[in-house]
């Protein structure tokens, strides 16, 4: 018997709550989970790629859906697939992850004293 991974009481729409969906607080871990699910296709493979168990990936995705107020993952069928909203959010998550990598690189360069510009002075 297959289990359906759907939050109790949620059928295609998220319940109204006191949570402010105007402010979306998506974490880097949640962005990585969504990206890994898209790249690897299953929760188990996504978890393995991130060094986490599949329940942690599922939890991150559920939190992300709640925070965004959107269904990001289609849970019908055997494998999870991103919805249209999930694809759009994924684009933004990938930009966020790229910006994080650039920031990490810039910080590493600054710690080593490397300067990205070269000044040549001659008389």
N, C-alpha and C. Protein backbone atom coordinates (compact mmCIF):
# COMPACT_ATOMS: atom_id res chain seq x y z
N UNK A 1 0.84 -1.17 0.00
CA UNK A 1 0.00 0.00 0.00
C UNK A 1 0.89 1.25 0.00
N UNK A 2 0.62 2.16 -0.89
CA UNK A 2 1.40 3.39 -0.98
C UNK A 2 0.87 4.44 -0.02
N UNK A 3 1.80 5.14 0.58
CA UNK A 3 1.40 6.25 1.45
C UNK A 3 1.35 7.52 0.63
N UNK A 4 0.39 8.32 0.88
CA UNK A 4 0.31 9.63 0.25
C UNK A 4 0.90 10.66 1.20
N UNK A 5 1.83 11.43 0.72
CA UNK A 5 2.48 12.43 1.54
C UNK A 5 1.75 13.75 1.43
N UNK A 6 0.65 13.88 2.13
CA UNK A 6 -0.12 15.12 2.13
C UNK A 6 -0.41 15.47 3.58
N UNK A 7 -0.23 16.72 3.89
CA UNK A 7 -0.51 17.15 5.25
C UNK A 7 -1.99 16.93 5.55
N UNK A 8 -2.28 16.54 6.77
CA UNK A 8 -3.66 16.26 7.15
C UNK A 8 -4.53 17.48 6.96
N UNK A 9 -5.65 17.30 6.31
CA UNK A 9 -6.61 18.38 6.12
C UNK A 9 -6.30 19.30 4.96
N UNK A 10 -5.24 19.07 4.25
CA UNK A 10 -4.88 19.94 3.13
C UNK A 10 -5.16 19.20 1.83
N UNK A 11 -6.05 19.73 1.05
CA UNK A 11 -6.43 19.09 -0.21
C UNK A 11 -6.33 20.11 -1.34
N UNK A 12 -5.11 20.37 -1.79
CA UNK A 12 -4.91 21.27 -2.90
C UNK A 12 -4.81 22.73 -2.51
N UNK A 13 -5.31 23.09 -1.36
CA UNK A 13 -5.24 24.47 -0.91
C UNK A 13 -4.76 24.48 0.53
N UNK A 14 -4.06 25.51 0.89
CA UNK A 14 -3.58 25.60 2.25
C UNK A 14 -4.62 26.29 3.11
N UNK A 15 -4.74 25.82 4.34
CA UNK A 15 -5.69 26.41 5.27
C UNK A 15 -5.30 27.84 5.58
N UNK A 16 -6.30 28.65 5.86
CA UNK A 16 -6.03 30.00 6.32
C UNK A 16 -5.43 29.90 7.72
N UNK A 17 -4.43 30.66 7.96
CA UNK A 17 -3.83 30.65 9.29
C UNK A 17 -3.46 32.07 9.65
N UNK A 18 -2.96 32.22 10.84
CA UNK A 18 -2.53 33.54 11.28
C UNK A 18 -1.15 33.88 10.73
N UNK A 19 -0.54 32.94 9.99
CA UNK A 19 0.79 33.16 9.45
C UNK A 19 0.73 34.21 8.35
N UNK A 20 1.64 35.15 8.37
CA UNK A 20 1.68 36.22 7.38
C UNK A 20 2.37 35.72 6.12
N UNK A 21 1.60 35.41 5.07
CA UNK A 21 2.19 34.90 3.83
C UNK A 21 2.72 36.03 2.95
N UNK A 22 2.55 37.29 3.38
CA UNK A 22 3.13 38.39 2.62
C UNK A 22 4.65 38.40 2.76
N UNK A 23 5.15 37.84 3.84
CA UNK A 23 6.58 37.75 4.08
C UNK A 23 6.96 36.28 4.00
N UNK A 24 7.75 35.93 3.00
CA UNK A 24 8.16 34.54 2.80
C UNK A 24 9.58 34.38 3.34
N UNK A 25 9.71 33.59 4.38
CA UNK A 25 11.01 33.36 5.02
C UNK A 25 11.56 32.00 4.63
N UNK A 26 11.95 31.85 3.40
CA UNK A 26 12.49 30.58 2.92
C UNK A 26 13.96 30.51 3.32
N UNK A 27 14.33 29.40 3.92
CA UNK A 27 15.72 29.22 4.34
C UNK A 27 16.55 28.63 3.20
N UNK A 28 17.85 28.73 3.34
CA UNK A 28 18.74 28.13 2.34
C UNK A 28 18.58 26.61 2.32
N UNK A 29 18.35 26.00 3.48
CA UNK A 29 18.13 24.55 3.52
C UNK A 29 16.88 24.16 2.75
N UNK A 30 15.82 24.96 2.87
CA UNK A 30 14.60 24.68 2.12
C UNK A 30 14.84 24.85 0.62
N UNK A 31 15.57 25.88 0.25
CA UNK A 31 15.89 26.10 -1.16
C UNK A 31 16.72 24.94 -1.71
N UNK A 32 17.67 24.46 -0.90
CA UNK A 32 18.48 23.31 -1.32
C UNK A 32 17.63 22.06 -1.47
N UNK A 33 16.66 21.87 -0.58
CA UNK A 33 15.79 20.69 -0.64
C UNK A 33 14.96 20.70 -1.91
N UNK A 34 14.40 21.85 -2.26
CA UNK A 34 13.59 21.95 -3.48
C UNK A 34 14.46 21.71 -4.72
N UNK A 35 15.65 22.29 -4.73
CA UNK A 35 16.58 22.11 -5.84
C UNK A 35 16.99 20.64 -5.96
N UNK A 36 17.32 20.01 -4.84
CA UNK A 36 17.75 18.61 -4.86
C UNK A 36 16.63 17.69 -5.33
N UNK A 37 15.39 17.96 -4.91
CA UNK A 37 14.27 17.14 -5.36
C UNK A 37 14.12 17.24 -6.87
N UNK A 38 14.25 18.44 -7.41
CA UNK A 38 14.13 18.60 -8.86
C UNK A 38 15.28 17.91 -9.59
N UNK A 39 16.48 18.05 -9.08
CA UNK A 39 17.65 17.46 -9.75
C UNK A 39 17.69 15.93 -9.65
N UNK A 40 17.26 15.38 -8.53
CA UNK A 40 17.43 13.94 -8.29
C UNK A 40 16.14 13.13 -8.44
N UNK A 41 14.99 13.79 -8.38
CA UNK A 41 13.73 13.12 -8.67
C UNK A 41 13.02 12.40 -7.54
N UNK A 42 13.73 12.01 -6.49
CA UNK A 42 13.08 11.34 -5.36
C UNK A 42 13.57 11.94 -4.06
N UNK A 43 12.77 11.76 -3.01
CA UNK A 43 13.16 12.25 -1.69
C UNK A 43 14.42 11.57 -1.18
N UNK A 44 14.51 10.27 -1.42
CA UNK A 44 15.67 9.50 -0.93
C UNK A 44 16.95 9.99 -1.60
N UNK A 45 16.93 10.15 -2.92
CA UNK A 45 18.12 10.61 -3.64
C UNK A 45 18.45 12.06 -3.29
N UNK A 46 17.42 12.89 -3.15
CA UNK A 46 17.64 14.28 -2.77
C UNK A 46 18.28 14.35 -1.38
N UNK A 47 17.77 13.53 -0.46
CA UNK A 47 18.33 13.49 0.88
C UNK A 47 19.77 13.02 0.88
N UNK A 48 20.05 11.99 0.09
CA UNK A 48 21.42 11.47 0.01
C UNK A 48 22.37 12.53 -0.54
N UNK A 49 21.92 13.29 -1.53
CA UNK A 49 22.75 14.34 -2.12
C UNK A 49 23.07 15.44 -1.11
N UNK A 50 22.15 15.68 -0.19
CA UNK A 50 22.35 16.73 0.80
C UNK A 50 22.87 16.20 2.13
N UNK A 51 23.07 14.89 2.21
CA UNK A 51 23.55 14.31 3.46
C UNK A 51 22.50 14.28 4.54
N UNK A 52 21.23 14.16 4.14
CA UNK A 52 20.12 14.13 5.09
C UNK A 52 19.21 12.97 4.76
N UNK A 53 18.34 12.63 5.68
CA UNK A 53 17.36 11.60 5.43
C UNK A 53 16.18 12.16 4.65
N UNK A 54 15.42 11.28 4.00
CA UNK A 54 14.28 11.78 3.22
C UNK A 54 13.21 12.45 4.09
N UNK A 55 13.03 12.07 5.37
CA UNK A 55 12.05 12.81 6.18
C UNK A 55 12.43 14.29 6.36
N UNK A 56 13.73 14.58 6.44
CA UNK A 56 14.18 15.97 6.58
C UNK A 56 13.86 16.77 5.33
N UNK A 57 14.00 16.14 4.17
CA UNK A 57 13.70 16.82 2.90
C UNK A 57 12.20 17.09 2.82
N UNK A 58 11.41 16.08 3.17
CA UNK A 58 9.95 16.22 3.14
C UNK A 58 9.50 17.32 4.09
N UNK A 59 10.09 17.36 5.28
CA UNK A 59 9.75 18.39 6.26
C UNK A 59 10.09 19.78 5.73
N UNK A 60 11.25 19.92 5.13
CA UNK A 60 11.66 21.22 4.57
C UNK A 60 10.70 21.67 3.48
N UNK A 61 10.27 20.74 2.63
CA UNK A 61 9.34 21.08 1.56
C UNK A 61 7.97 21.48 2.11
N UNK A 62 7.51 20.76 3.12
CA UNK A 62 6.21 21.10 3.73
C UNK A 62 6.27 22.47 4.39
N UNK A 63 7.36 22.75 5.09
CA UNK A 63 7.52 24.07 5.71
C UNK A 63 7.52 25.17 4.65
N UNK A 64 8.23 24.91 3.58
CA UNK A 64 8.33 25.89 2.49
C UNK A 64 6.96 26.16 1.89
N UNK A 65 6.18 25.11 1.67
CA UNK A 65 4.82 25.27 1.14
C UNK A 65 3.97 26.10 2.09
N UNK A 66 4.08 25.81 3.37
CA UNK A 66 3.31 26.56 4.36
C UNK A 66 3.71 28.03 4.37
N UNK A 67 5.00 28.28 4.34
CA UNK A 67 5.49 29.65 4.40
C UNK A 67 5.14 30.43 3.14
N UNK A 68 5.18 29.77 1.99
CA UNK A 68 4.85 30.44 0.73
C UNK A 68 3.34 30.53 0.52
N UNK A 69 2.58 29.65 1.19
CA UNK A 69 1.14 29.62 0.99
C UNK A 69 0.76 29.01 -0.35
N UNK A 70 1.63 28.14 -0.86
CA UNK A 70 1.43 27.54 -2.19
C UNK A 70 1.71 26.04 -2.14
N UNK A 71 1.07 25.30 -3.03
CA UNK A 71 1.43 23.90 -3.24
C UNK A 71 2.59 23.89 -4.22
N UNK A 72 3.76 23.49 -3.77
CA UNK A 72 4.95 23.48 -4.62
C UNK A 72 5.21 22.11 -5.21
N UNK A 73 4.67 21.07 -4.57
CA UNK A 73 4.92 19.69 -4.97
C UNK A 73 3.60 18.98 -5.20
N UNK A 74 3.50 18.28 -6.32
CA UNK A 74 2.33 17.45 -6.62
C UNK A 74 2.61 16.07 -6.03
N UNK A 75 1.78 15.67 -5.09
CA UNK A 75 2.00 14.41 -4.38
C UNK A 75 1.18 13.26 -4.95
N UNK A 76 0.49 13.49 -6.04
CA UNK A 76 -0.27 12.40 -6.66
C UNK A 76 0.70 11.48 -7.39
N UNK A 77 0.44 10.21 -7.35
CA UNK A 77 1.32 9.28 -8.04
C UNK A 77 2.47 8.82 -7.18
N UNK A 78 3.34 8.06 -7.80
CA UNK A 78 4.44 7.42 -7.08
C UNK A 78 5.55 8.41 -6.72
N UNK A 79 5.89 9.29 -7.63
CA UNK A 79 6.97 10.25 -7.38
C UNK A 79 6.43 11.65 -7.20
N UNK A 80 7.15 12.42 -6.42
CA UNK A 80 6.78 13.82 -6.24
C UNK A 80 7.24 14.61 -7.45
N UNK A 81 6.39 15.52 -7.91
CA UNK A 81 6.74 16.39 -9.03
C UNK A 81 6.44 17.82 -8.63
N UNK A 82 7.22 18.74 -9.16
CA UNK A 82 6.98 20.15 -8.88
C UNK A 82 5.76 20.63 -9.64
N UNK A 83 4.96 21.45 -8.98
CA UNK A 83 3.83 22.10 -9.64
C UNK A 83 4.38 23.29 -10.44
N UNK A 84 3.49 23.97 -11.16
CA UNK A 84 3.91 25.17 -11.89
C UNK A 84 4.44 26.21 -10.91
N UNK A 85 3.77 26.36 -9.78
CA UNK A 85 4.25 27.30 -8.75
C UNK A 85 5.59 26.84 -8.20
N UNK A 86 5.75 25.53 -8.04
CA UNK A 86 7.02 24.98 -7.55
C UNK A 86 8.16 25.28 -8.49
N UNK A 87 7.91 25.21 -9.80
CA UNK A 87 8.94 25.53 -10.80
C UNK A 87 9.35 26.99 -10.71
N UNK A 88 8.36 27.87 -10.55
CA UNK A 88 8.68 29.30 -10.45
C UNK A 88 9.47 29.60 -9.19
N UNK A 89 9.07 29.00 -8.08
CA UNK A 89 9.80 29.20 -6.83
C UNK A 89 11.20 28.62 -6.95
N UNK A 90 11.33 27.48 -7.64
CA UNK A 90 12.64 26.85 -7.84
C UNK A 90 13.60 27.79 -8.58
N UNK A 91 13.10 28.51 -9.58
CA UNK A 91 13.95 29.47 -10.30
C UNK A 91 14.54 30.49 -9.33
N UNK A 92 13.69 31.00 -8.44
CA UNK A 92 14.16 31.99 -7.46
C UNK A 92 15.11 31.35 -6.45
N UNK A 93 14.82 30.12 -6.06
CA UNK A 93 15.70 29.41 -5.12
C UNK A 93 17.08 29.21 -5.73
N UNK A 94 17.12 28.88 -7.00
CA UNK A 94 18.43 28.67 -7.65
C UNK A 94 19.21 29.98 -7.72
N UNK A 95 18.53 31.09 -7.95
CA UNK A 95 19.21 32.39 -7.92
C UNK A 95 19.73 32.69 -6.52
N UNK A 96 18.92 32.35 -5.52
CA UNK A 96 19.31 32.55 -4.13
C UNK A 96 20.55 31.72 -3.79
N UNK A 97 20.57 30.47 -4.23
CA UNK A 97 21.71 29.59 -3.97
C UNK A 97 22.96 30.05 -4.72
N UNK A 98 22.78 30.59 -5.93
CA UNK A 98 23.92 31.13 -6.68
C UNK A 98 24.48 32.36 -5.97
N UNK A 99 23.59 33.21 -5.45
CA UNK A 99 24.04 34.39 -4.72
C UNK A 99 24.78 33.99 -3.45
N UNK A 100 24.31 32.93 -2.79
CA UNK A 100 25.00 32.43 -1.59
C UNK A 100 26.41 31.96 -1.94
N UNK A 101 26.55 31.25 -3.06
CA UNK A 101 27.87 30.76 -3.49
C UNK A 101 28.80 31.93 -3.81
N UNK A 102 28.27 32.96 -4.47
CA UNK A 102 29.07 34.15 -4.78
C UNK A 102 29.53 34.84 -3.50
N UNK A 103 28.63 34.95 -2.54
CA UNK A 103 28.97 35.59 -1.27
C UNK A 103 30.04 34.79 -0.54
N UNK A 104 29.90 33.47 -0.51
CA UNK A 104 30.91 32.62 0.14
C UNK A 104 32.26 32.78 -0.54
N UNK A 105 32.26 32.85 -1.86
CA UNK A 105 33.50 33.02 -2.61
C UNK A 105 34.14 34.38 -2.31
N UNK A 106 33.32 35.42 -2.29
CA UNK A 106 33.83 36.77 -2.00
C UNK A 106 34.42 36.83 -0.59
N UNK A 107 33.74 36.22 0.37
CA UNK A 107 34.25 36.21 1.75
C UNK A 107 35.57 35.46 1.84
N UNK A 108 35.67 34.34 1.13
CA UNK A 108 36.92 33.56 1.13
C UNK A 108 38.06 34.38 0.54
N UNK A 109 37.77 35.10 -0.54
CA UNK A 109 38.80 35.95 -1.16
C UNK A 109 39.25 37.05 -0.21
N UNK A 110 38.29 37.67 0.48
CA UNK A 110 38.64 38.75 1.40
C UNK A 110 39.44 38.23 2.60
N UNK A 111 39.14 37.02 3.06
CA UNK A 111 39.89 36.44 4.19
C UNK A 111 41.34 36.18 3.82
N UNK A 112 41.60 35.82 2.58
CA UNK A 112 42.97 35.52 2.15
C UNK A 112 43.73 36.76 1.72
N UNK A 113 43.06 37.89 1.65
CA UNK A 113 43.72 39.12 1.27
C UNK A 113 43.83 39.32 -0.23
N UNK A 114 43.24 38.44 -0.99
CA UNK A 114 43.27 38.55 -2.44
C UNK A 114 42.38 39.70 -2.87
N UNK A 115 42.88 40.53 -3.79
CA UNK A 115 42.08 41.63 -4.31
C UNK A 115 41.75 41.34 -5.76
N UNK A 116 40.50 41.55 -6.15
CA UNK A 116 40.10 41.23 -7.51
C UNK A 116 40.61 42.20 -8.57
N UNK A 117 41.17 43.33 -8.15
CA UNK A 117 41.65 44.29 -9.15
C UNK A 117 43.18 44.40 -9.08
N UNK A 118 43.76 44.71 -10.20
CA UNK A 118 45.21 44.85 -10.30
C UNK A 118 45.50 46.29 -10.70
N UNK A 119 46.35 46.95 -9.95
CA UNK A 119 46.72 48.32 -10.27
C UNK A 119 48.17 48.34 -10.72
N UNK A 120 48.38 48.89 -11.87
CA UNK A 120 49.74 49.02 -12.40
C UNK A 120 50.03 50.51 -12.50
N UNK A 121 51.11 50.93 -11.85
CA UNK A 121 51.50 52.33 -11.87
C UNK A 121 52.90 52.41 -12.45
N UNK A 122 53.08 53.29 -13.41
CA UNK A 122 54.42 53.47 -13.96
C UNK A 122 54.62 54.95 -14.24
N UNK A 123 55.89 55.37 -14.28
CA UNK A 123 56.23 56.77 -14.54
C UNK A 123 56.84 56.92 -15.90
